[in-house]
Amino acid sequence: MIFVFLNSFFEWLDKADKQLFLLVNKEWTNTFLDNNLPWYRDSTTWLPLYLFLLLFVIFNYGKKSLPWIIAVAITSTISDQISSNFLKNLIERPRPCNDVFIQHLGRLLLNRCPSSFSFTSSHAVNHFTAAMFIFTTLKPAFGKYATLFPIWAATICYAQVYVGVHYPLDVFAGAIAGCCIGIFAGKWYNKYYSLQTI
């Protein structure tokens, strides 16, 4: 009985997920988003932000910045490995642009469809990991502006669905995983290497 219920639930969830994907990707669209979200969701677009954060921490915390930088590198590596090499290969869910049952219904706004699996979105995991780690460790320095980091990560997640390379459930699950990793790593860092408030 429980297996029948679970099977029905996952079928319903998959159907709802694909319907929401088509709404975001095909119906809730405009020219501005079509032109800007493909580059906006690219990791290289945000290199100036990463450089700013690096310099901000170095200039304000001096030698205390080294453990922070190392923690960011380790946390980012762990989050990417969990998503790219564990969860994706475990679930093996095709991306919408590679799914023969839906690819002709949606739009692909990138030059190619990535060959990797879809669940979870590594963009979602990695950006939310970074956002929540920064939020947790640098909130005293940024104050109310620290909330911009998770908002930034959420917009990138939305862009992944909009351009046609992920389902909403991929980025939602990735966001949850990223939040857990980022908050855990941030609290661990604060416990042992907390930066002084500016």
N, C-alpha and C. Protein backbone atom coordinates (compact mmCIF):
# COMPACT_ATOMS: atom_id res chain seq x y z
N MET A 1 0.82 -1.21 0.00
CA MET A 1 0.00 0.00 0.00
C MET A 1 0.86 1.26 0.00
N ILE A 2 1.89 1.26 0.85
CA ILE A 2 2.76 2.42 0.95
C ILE A 2 3.52 2.66 -0.35
N PHE A 3 3.89 1.57 -1.04
CA PHE A 3 4.62 1.70 -2.29
C PHE A 3 3.74 2.27 -3.39
N VAL A 4 2.46 1.90 -3.38
CA VAL A 4 1.51 2.44 -4.35
C VAL A 4 1.34 3.93 -4.12
N PHE A 5 1.23 4.33 -2.86
CA PHE A 5 1.08 5.74 -2.51
C PHE A 5 2.31 6.53 -2.94
N LEU A 6 3.50 6.00 -2.62
CA LEU A 6 4.73 6.70 -2.97
C LEU A 6 4.89 6.83 -4.47
N ASN A 7 4.54 5.77 -5.19
CA ASN A 7 4.63 5.80 -6.65
C ASN A 7 3.71 6.86 -7.23
N SER A 8 2.48 6.93 -6.70
CA SER A 8 1.52 7.93 -7.17
C SER A 8 1.99 9.34 -6.83
N PHE A 9 2.57 9.49 -5.63
CA PHE A 9 3.04 10.80 -5.21
C PHE A 9 4.17 11.29 -6.10
N PHE A 10 5.13 10.41 -6.39
CA PHE A 10 6.27 10.81 -7.21
C PHE A 10 5.84 11.08 -8.66
N GLU A 11 4.86 10.35 -9.13
CA GLU A 11 4.33 10.63 -10.47
C GLU A 11 3.67 12.00 -10.51
N TRP A 12 2.89 12.31 -9.46
CA TRP A 12 2.26 13.63 -9.38
C TRP A 12 3.30 14.74 -9.26
N LEU A 13 4.34 14.51 -8.45
CA LEU A 13 5.39 15.50 -8.24
C LEU A 13 6.15 15.76 -9.54
N ASP A 14 6.44 14.70 -10.28
CA ASP A 14 7.15 14.85 -11.55
C ASP A 14 6.31 15.62 -12.55
N LYS A 15 5.02 15.33 -12.61
CA LYS A 15 4.13 16.03 -13.52
C LYS A 15 4.01 17.51 -13.16
N ALA A 16 3.84 17.80 -11.87
CA ALA A 16 3.73 19.18 -11.41
C ALA A 16 5.03 19.94 -11.69
N ASP A 17 6.15 19.28 -11.48
CA ASP A 17 7.45 19.89 -11.71
C ASP A 17 7.62 20.28 -13.17
N LYS A 18 7.22 19.41 -14.07
CA LYS A 18 7.35 19.68 -15.50
C LYS A 18 6.38 20.77 -15.95
N GLN A 19 5.19 20.80 -15.36
CA GLN A 19 4.24 21.85 -15.69
C GLN A 19 4.76 23.21 -15.26
N LEU A 20 5.34 23.27 -14.06
CA LEU A 20 5.91 24.52 -13.58
C LEU A 20 7.11 24.93 -14.43
N PHE A 21 7.90 23.95 -14.85
CA PHE A 21 9.04 24.24 -15.73
C PHE A 21 8.56 24.94 -17.00
N LEU A 22 7.52 24.41 -17.61
CA LEU A 22 7.02 24.98 -18.86
C LEU A 22 6.44 26.38 -18.66
N LEU A 23 5.86 26.62 -17.50
CA LEU A 23 5.36 27.96 -17.21
C LEU A 23 6.50 28.96 -17.13
N VAL A 24 7.55 28.61 -16.38
CA VAL A 24 8.70 29.51 -16.21
C VAL A 24 9.46 29.67 -17.51
N ASN A 25 9.69 28.56 -18.20
CA ASN A 25 10.55 28.54 -19.38
C ASN A 25 9.86 29.05 -20.65
N LYS A 26 8.54 28.87 -20.73
CA LYS A 26 7.86 29.15 -21.99
C LYS A 26 6.76 30.21 -21.90
N GLU A 27 6.11 30.32 -20.72
CA GLU A 27 4.97 31.23 -20.61
C GLU A 27 5.34 32.55 -19.91
N TRP A 28 6.04 32.47 -18.78
CA TRP A 28 6.37 33.67 -18.01
C TRP A 28 7.68 34.27 -18.54
N THR A 29 7.65 34.72 -19.78
CA THR A 29 8.88 35.16 -20.44
C THR A 29 8.73 36.57 -21.00
N ASN A 30 9.87 37.19 -21.24
CA ASN A 30 9.90 38.46 -21.96
C ASN A 30 11.28 38.63 -22.59
N THR A 31 11.41 39.58 -23.48
CA THR A 31 12.64 39.77 -24.24
C THR A 31 13.82 40.13 -23.34
N PHE A 32 13.56 40.95 -22.32
CA PHE A 32 14.64 41.36 -21.42
C PHE A 32 15.27 40.15 -20.73
N LEU A 33 14.44 39.27 -20.18
CA LEU A 33 14.95 38.09 -19.50
C LEU A 33 15.61 37.14 -20.49
N ASP A 34 15.03 37.01 -21.68
CA ASP A 34 15.62 36.15 -22.71
C ASP A 34 17.05 36.58 -23.03
N ASN A 35 17.28 37.88 -23.08
CA ASN A 35 18.59 38.40 -23.47
C ASN A 35 19.60 38.40 -22.33
N ASN A 36 19.12 38.47 -21.09
CA ASN A 36 20.04 38.68 -19.97
C ASN A 36 20.26 37.48 -19.05
N LEU A 37 19.26 36.63 -18.89
CA LEU A 37 19.44 35.51 -17.96
C LEU A 37 20.47 34.48 -18.42
N PRO A 38 20.68 34.26 -19.73
CA PRO A 38 21.72 33.30 -20.12
C PRO A 38 23.11 33.68 -19.61
N TRP A 39 23.49 34.96 -19.67
CA TRP A 39 24.80 35.35 -19.15
C TRP A 39 24.76 35.59 -17.65
N TYR A 40 23.60 35.98 -17.13
CA TYR A 40 23.47 36.25 -15.71
C TYR A 40 23.74 35.00 -14.87
N ARG A 41 23.29 33.83 -15.34
CA ARG A 41 23.44 32.60 -14.57
C ARG A 41 24.82 31.95 -14.75
N ASP A 42 25.65 32.52 -15.60
CA ASP A 42 26.99 31.99 -15.82
C ASP A 42 27.91 32.36 -14.65
N SER A 43 28.63 31.38 -14.13
CA SER A 43 29.49 31.61 -12.97
C SER A 43 30.57 32.66 -13.23
N THR A 44 31.08 32.71 -14.46
CA THR A 44 32.15 33.66 -14.77
C THR A 44 31.66 35.11 -14.71
N THR A 45 30.38 35.32 -14.85
CA THR A 45 29.82 36.67 -14.76
C THR A 45 30.10 37.29 -13.40
N TRP A 46 30.18 36.44 -12.38
CA TRP A 46 30.28 36.92 -11.01
C TRP A 46 31.71 36.94 -10.47
N LEU A 47 32.69 36.80 -11.35
CA LEU A 47 34.09 36.88 -10.92
C LEU A 47 34.41 38.21 -10.23
N PRO A 48 33.89 39.35 -10.71
CA PRO A 48 34.14 40.61 -9.99
C PRO A 48 33.60 40.59 -8.56
N LEU A 49 32.46 39.94 -8.34
CA LEU A 49 31.91 39.83 -6.98
C LEU A 49 32.82 39.00 -6.10
N TYR A 50 33.30 37.88 -6.63
CA TYR A 50 34.19 37.02 -5.86
C TYR A 50 35.49 37.75 -5.52
N LEU A 51 36.00 38.53 -6.48
CA LEU A 51 37.23 39.30 -6.25
C LEU A 51 36.99 40.37 -5.19
N PHE A 52 35.83 41.02 -5.25
CA PHE A 52 35.49 42.04 -4.25
C PHE A 52 35.46 41.43 -2.85
N LEU A 53 34.81 40.27 -2.70
CA LEU A 53 34.72 39.62 -1.39
C LEU A 53 36.10 39.22 -0.88
N LEU A 54 36.93 38.72 -1.78
CA LEU A 54 38.29 38.32 -1.41
C LEU A 54 39.07 39.52 -0.89
N LEU A 55 39.04 40.61 -1.64
CA LEU A 55 39.77 41.82 -1.24
C LEU A 55 39.17 42.43 0.02
N PHE A 56 37.85 42.39 0.13
CA PHE A 56 37.16 42.93 1.31
C PHE A 56 37.64 42.23 2.58
N VAL A 57 37.69 40.91 2.53
CA VAL A 57 38.11 40.14 3.70
C VAL A 57 39.59 40.37 4.01
N ILE A 58 40.42 40.38 2.97
CA ILE A 58 41.87 40.58 3.18
C ILE A 58 42.15 41.95 3.78
N PHE A 59 41.55 43.00 3.21
CA PHE A 59 41.83 44.36 3.66
C PHE A 59 41.28 44.63 5.06
N ASN A 60 40.17 43.99 5.42
CA ASN A 60 39.53 44.28 6.70
C ASN A 60 39.98 43.36 7.83
N TYR A 61 40.45 42.15 7.47
CA TYR A 61 40.78 41.19 8.53
C TYR A 61 42.23 40.72 8.51
N GLY A 62 43.00 41.13 7.53
CA GLY A 62 44.42 40.80 7.49
C GLY A 62 44.69 39.30 7.54
N LYS A 63 45.53 38.89 8.50
CA LYS A 63 45.91 37.48 8.61
C LYS A 63 44.73 36.58 8.94
N LYS A 64 43.71 37.15 9.57
CA LYS A 64 42.54 36.34 9.93
C LYS A 64 41.74 35.94 8.69
N SER A 65 42.06 36.54 7.56
CA SER A 65 41.34 36.21 6.33
C SER A 65 41.74 34.86 5.76
N LEU A 66 42.96 34.39 6.08
CA LEU A 66 43.45 33.14 5.49
C LEU A 66 42.57 31.94 5.84
N PRO A 67 42.21 31.72 7.11
CA PRO A 67 41.30 30.60 7.40
C PRO A 67 39.95 30.73 6.68
N TRP A 68 39.47 31.96 6.52
CA TRP A 68 38.20 32.19 5.82
C TRP A 68 38.31 31.77 4.36
N ILE A 69 39.40 32.18 3.73
CA ILE A 69 39.61 31.84 2.32
C ILE A 69 39.73 30.33 2.14
N ILE A 70 40.45 29.68 3.03
CA ILE A 70 40.61 28.22 2.97
C ILE A 70 39.26 27.54 3.19
N ALA A 71 38.48 28.06 4.14
CA ALA A 71 37.16 27.49 4.43
C ALA A 71 36.23 27.62 3.23
N VAL A 72 36.29 28.77 2.54
CA VAL A 72 35.47 28.97 1.33
C VAL A 72 35.85 27.95 0.27
N ALA A 73 37.16 27.76 0.06
CA ALA A 73 37.64 26.83 -0.96
C ALA A 73 37.21 25.40 -0.65
N ILE A 74 37.36 24.98 0.60
CA ILE A 74 36.99 23.62 0.98
C ILE A 74 35.49 23.42 0.90
N THR A 75 34.73 24.39 1.41
CA THR A 75 33.27 24.27 1.38
C THR A 75 32.75 24.23 -0.05
N SER A 76 33.30 25.07 -0.93
CA SER A 76 32.88 25.08 -2.33
C SER A 76 33.18 23.75 -3.02
N THR A 77 34.34 23.19 -2.72
CA THR A 77 34.73 21.90 -3.31
C THR A 77 33.79 20.79 -2.85
N ILE A 78 33.49 20.78 -1.56
CA ILE A 78 32.59 19.76 -1.01
C ILE A 78 31.20 19.87 -1.63
N SER A 79 30.66 21.09 -1.72
CA SER A 79 29.31 21.27 -2.26
C SER A 79 29.25 20.84 -3.72
N ASP A 80 30.28 21.15 -4.49
CA ASP A 80 30.29 20.78 -5.91
C ASP A 80 30.40 19.27 -6.08
N GLN A 81 31.21 18.62 -5.25
CA GLN A 81 31.36 17.17 -5.34
C GLN A 81 30.06 16.46 -4.95
N ILE A 82 29.38 16.97 -3.93
CA ILE A 82 28.11 16.36 -3.51
C ILE A 82 27.09 16.42 -4.61
N SER A 83 27.01 17.57 -5.28
CA SER A 83 26.02 17.72 -6.35
C SER A 83 26.45 17.03 -7.64
N SER A 84 27.63 17.42 -8.14
CA SER A 84 28.05 16.96 -9.47
C SER A 84 28.43 15.49 -9.53
N ASN A 85 29.10 14.98 -8.51
CA ASN A 85 29.61 13.61 -8.58
C ASN A 85 28.86 12.60 -7.73
N PHE A 86 27.97 13.07 -6.85
CA PHE A 86 27.22 12.11 -6.04
C PHE A 86 25.73 12.13 -6.39
N LEU A 87 25.05 13.22 -6.10
CA LEU A 87 23.60 13.26 -6.29
C LEU A 87 23.19 13.08 -7.75
N LYS A 88 23.86 13.76 -8.66
CA LYS A 88 23.49 13.65 -10.08
C LYS A 88 23.65 12.23 -10.60
N ASN A 89 24.76 11.60 -10.23
CA ASN A 89 25.00 10.23 -10.69
C ASN A 89 24.15 9.21 -9.95
N LEU A 90 23.67 9.57 -8.77
CA LEU A 90 22.80 8.68 -8.01
C LEU A 90 21.37 8.70 -8.56
N ILE A 91 20.86 9.90 -8.85
CA ILE A 91 19.47 10.07 -9.30
C ILE A 91 19.34 9.84 -10.81
N GLU A 92 20.32 10.35 -11.58
CA GLU A 92 20.35 10.20 -13.05
C GLU A 92 19.08 10.74 -13.71
N ARG A 93 18.67 11.91 -13.33
CA ARG A 93 17.51 12.53 -13.96
C ARG A 93 17.96 13.35 -15.17
N PRO A 94 17.39 13.11 -16.35
CA PRO A 94 17.80 13.89 -17.53
C PRO A 94 17.39 15.35 -17.39
N ARG A 95 18.18 16.23 -17.95
CA ARG A 95 17.81 17.63 -18.00
C ARG A 95 16.61 17.80 -18.93
N PRO A 96 15.82 18.85 -18.74
CA PRO A 96 14.67 19.05 -19.64
C PRO A 96 15.08 19.19 -21.11
N CYS A 97 16.25 19.77 -21.34
CA CYS A 97 16.71 19.93 -22.73
C CYS A 97 17.27 18.64 -23.30
N ASN A 98 17.40 17.59 -22.47
CA ASN A 98 17.84 16.27 -22.93
C ASN A 98 16.75 15.21 -22.79
N ASP A 99 15.62 15.60 -22.23
CA ASP A 99 14.51 14.67 -22.00
C ASP A 99 13.67 14.57 -23.28
N VAL A 100 13.64 13.39 -23.89
CA VAL A 100 12.95 13.22 -25.18
C VAL A 100 11.45 13.50 -25.07
N PHE A 101 10.90 13.44 -23.85
CA PHE A 101 9.47 13.64 -23.69
C PHE A 101 9.08 15.10 -23.52
N ILE A 102 10.05 15.96 -23.26
CA ILE A 102 9.70 17.36 -22.99
C ILE A 102 10.58 18.37 -23.73
N GLN A 103 11.69 17.93 -24.28
CA GLN A 103 12.63 18.88 -24.87
C GLN A 103 12.02 19.68 -26.02
N HIS A 104 11.08 19.08 -26.75
CA HIS A 104 10.47 19.79 -27.86
C HIS A 104 9.37 20.77 -27.41
N LEU A 105 9.02 20.70 -26.12
CA LEU A 105 7.97 21.59 -25.59
C LEU A 105 8.55 22.87 -24.99
N GLY A 106 9.79 22.80 -24.52
CA GLY A 106 10.39 23.95 -23.87
C GLY A 106 11.36 24.69 -24.77
N ARG A 107 12.06 25.66 -24.17
CA ARG A 107 13.04 26.45 -24.91
C ARG A 107 14.42 26.27 -24.26
N LEU A 108 15.45 26.24 -25.10
CA LEU A 108 16.82 26.22 -24.62
C LEU A 108 17.47 27.51 -25.06
N LEU A 109 17.84 28.37 -24.10
CA LEU A 109 18.39 29.69 -24.43
C LEU A 109 19.92 29.72 -24.41
N LEU A 110 20.54 28.56 -24.24
CA LEU A 110 22.00 28.47 -24.28
C LEU A 110 22.43 27.85 -25.60
N ASN A 111 23.73 27.94 -25.89
CA ASN A 111 24.25 27.39 -27.15
C ASN A 111 24.21 25.87 -27.19
N ARG A 112 24.21 25.25 -26.01
CA ARG A 112 24.17 23.78 -25.95
C ARG A 112 23.50 23.34 -24.66
N CYS A 113 23.07 22.10 -24.66
CA CYS A 113 22.49 21.52 -23.46
C CYS A 113 23.57 20.71 -22.75
N PRO A 114 23.87 21.01 -21.49
CA PRO A 114 24.91 20.25 -20.77
C PRO A 114 24.59 18.75 -20.77
N SER A 115 25.63 17.94 -20.84
CA SER A 115 25.44 16.49 -20.91
C SER A 115 25.23 15.85 -19.54
N SER A 116 25.55 16.58 -18.47
CA SER A 116 25.41 16.03 -17.12
C SER A 116 23.94 15.90 -16.75
N PHE A 117 23.69 15.15 -15.68
CA PHE A 117 22.31 14.96 -15.23
C PHE A 117 21.78 16.22 -14.55
N SER A 118 20.49 16.20 -14.24
CA SER A 118 19.79 17.42 -13.84
C SER A 118 19.61 17.61 -12.33
N PHE A 119 19.47 16.51 -11.58
CA PHE A 119 19.14 16.60 -10.15
C PHE A 119 20.34 16.17 -9.30
N THR A 120 20.85 17.08 -8.48
CA THR A 120 20.38 18.44 -8.24
C THR A 120 21.16 19.43 -9.12
N SER A 121 20.66 20.66 -9.17
CA SER A 121 21.37 21.71 -9.89
C SER A 121 22.64 22.10 -9.14
N SER A 122 23.78 21.93 -9.79
CA SER A 122 25.04 22.32 -9.15
C SER A 122 25.12 23.83 -8.98
N HIS A 123 24.52 24.57 -9.90
CA HIS A 123 24.47 26.02 -9.74
C HIS A 123 23.74 26.38 -8.44
N ALA A 124 22.62 25.70 -8.20
CA ALA A 124 21.84 25.98 -7.00
C ALA A 124 22.60 25.60 -5.74
N VAL A 125 23.17 24.41 -5.74
CA VAL A 125 23.92 23.94 -4.56
C VAL A 125 25.10 24.87 -4.28
N ASN A 126 25.90 25.14 -5.31
CA ASN A 126 27.11 25.92 -5.11
C ASN A 126 26.84 27.37 -4.74
N HIS A 127 25.87 27.99 -5.41
CA HIS A 127 25.59 29.39 -5.11
C HIS A 127 24.93 29.58 -3.75
N PHE A 128 24.05 28.66 -3.38
CA PHE A 128 23.44 28.78 -2.05
C PHE A 128 24.45 28.42 -0.95
N THR A 129 25.35 27.49 -1.23
CA THR A 129 26.41 27.20 -0.27
C THR A 129 27.24 28.45 -0.02
N ALA A 130 27.68 29.08 -1.11
CA ALA A 130 28.49 30.30 -0.99
C ALA A 130 27.70 31.42 -0.31
N ALA A 131 26.45 31.59 -0.73
CA ALA A 131 25.63 32.68 -0.18
C ALA A 131 25.42 32.53 1.32
N MET A 132 25.11 31.31 1.76
CA MET A 132 24.82 31.11 3.18
C MET A 132 26.09 31.09 4.02
N PHE A 133 27.20 30.67 3.43
CA PHE A 133 28.47 30.74 4.16
C PHE A 133 28.86 32.20 4.37
N ILE A 134 28.74 33.00 3.30
CA ILE A 134 29.04 34.43 3.40
C ILE A 134 28.08 35.11 4.38
N PHE A 135 26.80 34.79 4.26
CA PHE A 135 25.79 35.37 5.15
C PHE A 135 26.11 35.04 6.61
N THR A 136 26.47 33.80 6.88
CA THR A 136 26.73 33.36 8.25
C THR A 136 28.01 33.94 8.83
N THR A 137 29.04 34.08 8.02
CA THR A 137 30.34 34.52 8.53
C THR A 137 30.56 36.03 8.45
N LEU A 138 29.89 36.70 7.49
CA LEU A 138 30.14 38.12 7.28
C LEU A 138 28.93 39.01 7.58
N LYS A 139 27.90 38.44 8.17
CA LYS A 139 26.71 39.24 8.49
C LYS A 139 27.04 40.44 9.37
N PRO A 140 27.91 40.32 10.38
CA PRO A 140 28.24 41.50 11.19
C PRO A 140 28.84 42.63 10.36
N ALA A 141 29.56 42.28 9.30
CA ALA A 141 30.21 43.29 8.47
C ALA A 141 29.23 43.93 7.47
N PHE A 142 28.37 43.13 6.89
CA PHE A 142 27.45 43.62 5.87
C PHE A 142 26.10 44.07 6.42
N GLY A 143 25.78 43.66 7.64
CA GLY A 143 24.51 44.06 8.24
C GLY A 143 23.32 43.57 7.44
N LYS A 144 22.35 44.45 7.23
CA LYS A 144 21.13 44.08 6.52
C LYS A 144 21.39 43.71 5.07
N TYR A 145 22.51 44.17 4.52
CA TYR A 145 22.83 43.87 3.13
C TYR A 145 23.26 42.41 2.94
N ALA A 146 23.53 41.72 4.02
CA ALA A 146 23.91 40.31 3.93
C ALA A 146 22.79 39.47 3.33
N THR A 147 21.54 39.91 3.48
CA THR A 147 20.41 39.16 2.92
C THR A 147 20.41 39.17 1.39
N LEU A 148 21.20 40.06 0.80
CA LEU A 148 21.28 40.11 -0.67
C LEU A 148 21.94 38.85 -1.23
N PHE A 149 22.78 38.19 -0.45
CA PHE A 149 23.48 37.01 -0.96
C PHE A 149 22.53 35.83 -1.23
N PRO A 150 21.65 35.44 -0.28
CA PRO A 150 20.69 34.38 -0.63
C PRO A 150 19.71 34.80 -1.71
N ILE A 151 19.37 36.09 -1.77
CA ILE A 151 18.49 36.56 -2.85
C ILE A 151 19.19 36.40 -4.19
N TRP A 152 20.47 36.75 -4.23
CA TRP A 152 21.29 36.57 -5.44
C TRP A 152 21.30 35.11 -5.87
N ALA A 153 21.50 34.20 -4.92
CA ALA A 153 21.52 32.77 -5.25
C ALA A 153 20.17 32.31 -5.78
N ALA A 154 19.09 32.83 -5.21
CA ALA A 154 17.74 32.45 -5.65
C ALA A 154 17.48 32.89 -7.08
N THR A 155 17.96 34.08 -7.45
CA THR A 155 17.74 34.56 -8.82
C THR A 155 18.51 33.72 -9.83
N ILE A 156 19.67 33.23 -9.44
CA ILE A 156 20.43 32.36 -10.33
C ILE A 156 19.71 31.02 -10.50
N CYS A 157 19.11 30.53 -9.42
CA CYS A 157 18.32 29.30 -9.51
C CYS A 157 17.17 29.48 -10.49
N TYR A 158 16.48 30.60 -10.39
CA TYR A 158 15.35 30.87 -11.30
C TYR A 158 15.85 30.92 -12.74
N ALA A 159 17.02 31.53 -12.93
CA ALA A 159 17.57 31.64 -14.28
C ALA A 159 17.87 30.27 -14.88
N GLN A 160 18.27 29.32 -14.06
CA GLN A 160 18.57 27.97 -14.55
C GLN A 160 17.33 27.30 -15.13
N VAL A 161 16.19 27.55 -14.51
CA VAL A 161 14.93 27.01 -15.02
C VAL A 161 14.51 27.78 -16.27
N TYR A 162 14.65 29.09 -16.20
CA TYR A 162 14.20 29.96 -17.30
C TYR A 162 14.92 29.64 -18.61
N VAL A 163 16.24 29.39 -18.54
CA VAL A 163 16.99 29.14 -19.77
C VAL A 163 16.82 27.72 -20.28
N GLY A 164 16.20 26.84 -19.48
CA GLY A 164 15.85 25.51 -19.97
C GLY A 164 16.76 24.37 -19.62
N VAL A 165 17.65 24.55 -18.63
CA VAL A 165 18.60 23.48 -18.31
C VAL A 165 18.28 22.74 -17.01
N HIS A 166 17.26 23.22 -16.26
CA HIS A 166 16.88 22.54 -15.02
C HIS A 166 15.38 22.65 -14.78
N TYR A 167 14.86 21.65 -14.08
CA TYR A 167 13.48 21.69 -13.58
C TYR A 167 13.46 22.46 -12.26
N PRO A 168 12.31 23.01 -11.88
CA PRO A 168 12.21 23.71 -10.59
C PRO A 168 12.63 22.85 -9.40
N LEU A 169 12.27 21.57 -9.42
CA LEU A 169 12.63 20.70 -8.30
C LEU A 169 14.14 20.53 -8.19
N ASP A 170 14.84 20.56 -9.31
CA ASP A 170 16.30 20.46 -9.30
C ASP A 170 16.93 21.60 -8.52
N VAL A 171 16.44 22.82 -8.79
CA VAL A 171 17.03 23.98 -8.13
C VAL A 171 16.52 24.13 -6.70
N PHE A 172 15.28 23.70 -6.45
CA PHE A 172 14.74 23.78 -5.09
C PHE A 172 15.52 22.85 -4.16
N ALA A 173 15.72 21.61 -4.60
CA ALA A 173 16.48 20.65 -3.80
C ALA A 173 17.93 21.10 -3.68
N GLY A 174 18.48 21.66 -4.76
CA GLY A 174 19.84 22.16 -4.71
C GLY A 174 19.99 23.32 -3.74
N ALA A 175 18.97 24.18 -3.70
CA ALA A 175 19.00 25.31 -2.78
C ALA A 175 18.98 24.83 -1.33
N ILE A 176 18.15 23.84 -1.03
CA ILE A 176 18.09 23.29 0.33
C ILE A 176 19.43 22.67 0.72
N ALA A 177 19.99 21.87 -0.19
CA ALA A 177 21.29 21.24 0.08
C ALA A 177 22.36 22.30 0.29
N GLY A 178 22.37 23.33 -0.58
CA GLY A 178 23.35 24.39 -0.45
C GLY A 178 23.21 25.16 0.84
N CYS A 179 21.98 25.45 1.24
CA CYS A 179 21.75 26.15 2.51
C CYS A 179 22.29 25.33 3.69
N CYS A 180 22.01 24.04 3.67
CA CYS A 180 22.49 23.17 4.76
C CYS A 180 24.01 23.16 4.83
N ILE A 181 24.65 23.00 3.67
CA ILE A 181 26.11 22.95 3.64
C ILE A 181 26.70 24.29 4.06
N GLY A 182 26.17 25.39 3.49
CA GLY A 182 26.71 26.72 3.78
C GLY A 182 26.53 27.14 5.22
N ILE A 183 25.35 26.88 5.78
CA ILE A 183 25.10 27.26 7.18
C ILE A 183 25.95 26.41 8.13
N PHE A 184 26.01 25.11 7.87
CA PHE A 184 26.83 24.22 8.72
C PHE A 184 28.29 24.65 8.70
N ALA A 185 28.81 24.89 7.48
CA ALA A 185 30.22 25.29 7.36
C ALA A 185 30.45 26.66 7.99
N GLY A 186 29.50 27.57 7.81
CA GLY A 186 29.63 28.90 8.38
C GLY A 186 29.63 28.88 9.89
N LYS A 187 28.75 28.09 10.48
CA LYS A 187 28.69 28.00 11.95
C LYS A 187 29.93 27.31 12.49
N TRP A 188 30.40 26.30 11.79
CA TRP A 188 31.64 25.64 12.21
C TRP A 188 32.80 26.63 12.17
N TYR A 189 32.85 27.42 11.09
CA TYR A 189 33.91 28.42 10.97
C TYR A 189 33.82 29.45 12.09
N ASN A 190 32.61 29.95 12.35
CA ASN A 190 32.43 30.95 13.40
C ASN A 190 32.84 30.42 14.78
N LYS A 191 32.65 29.15 14.98
CA LYS A 191 32.99 28.55 16.28
C LYS A 191 34.49 28.52 16.52
N TYR A 192 35.26 28.29 15.46
CA TYR A 192 36.70 28.12 15.64
C TYR A 192 37.56 29.27 15.10
N TYR A 193 37.03 29.99 14.09
CA TYR A 193 37.85 31.03 13.46
C TYR A 193 37.09 32.33 13.23
N SER A 194 36.15 32.65 14.07
CA SER A 194 35.25 33.79 13.84
C SER A 194 36.02 35.08 13.56
N LEU A 195 35.58 35.80 12.51
CA LEU A 195 36.17 37.08 12.18
C LEU A 195 35.67 38.13 13.16
N GLN A 196 36.50 39.08 13.46
CA GLN A 196 36.08 40.16 14.34
C GLN A 196 35.18 41.12 13.56
N THR A 197 34.21 41.65 14.24
CA THR A 197 33.32 42.63 13.62
C THR A 197 34.08 43.91 13.31
N ILE A 198 33.83 44.46 12.15
CA ILE A 198 34.48 45.71 11.76
C ILE A 198 34.03 46.84 12.69
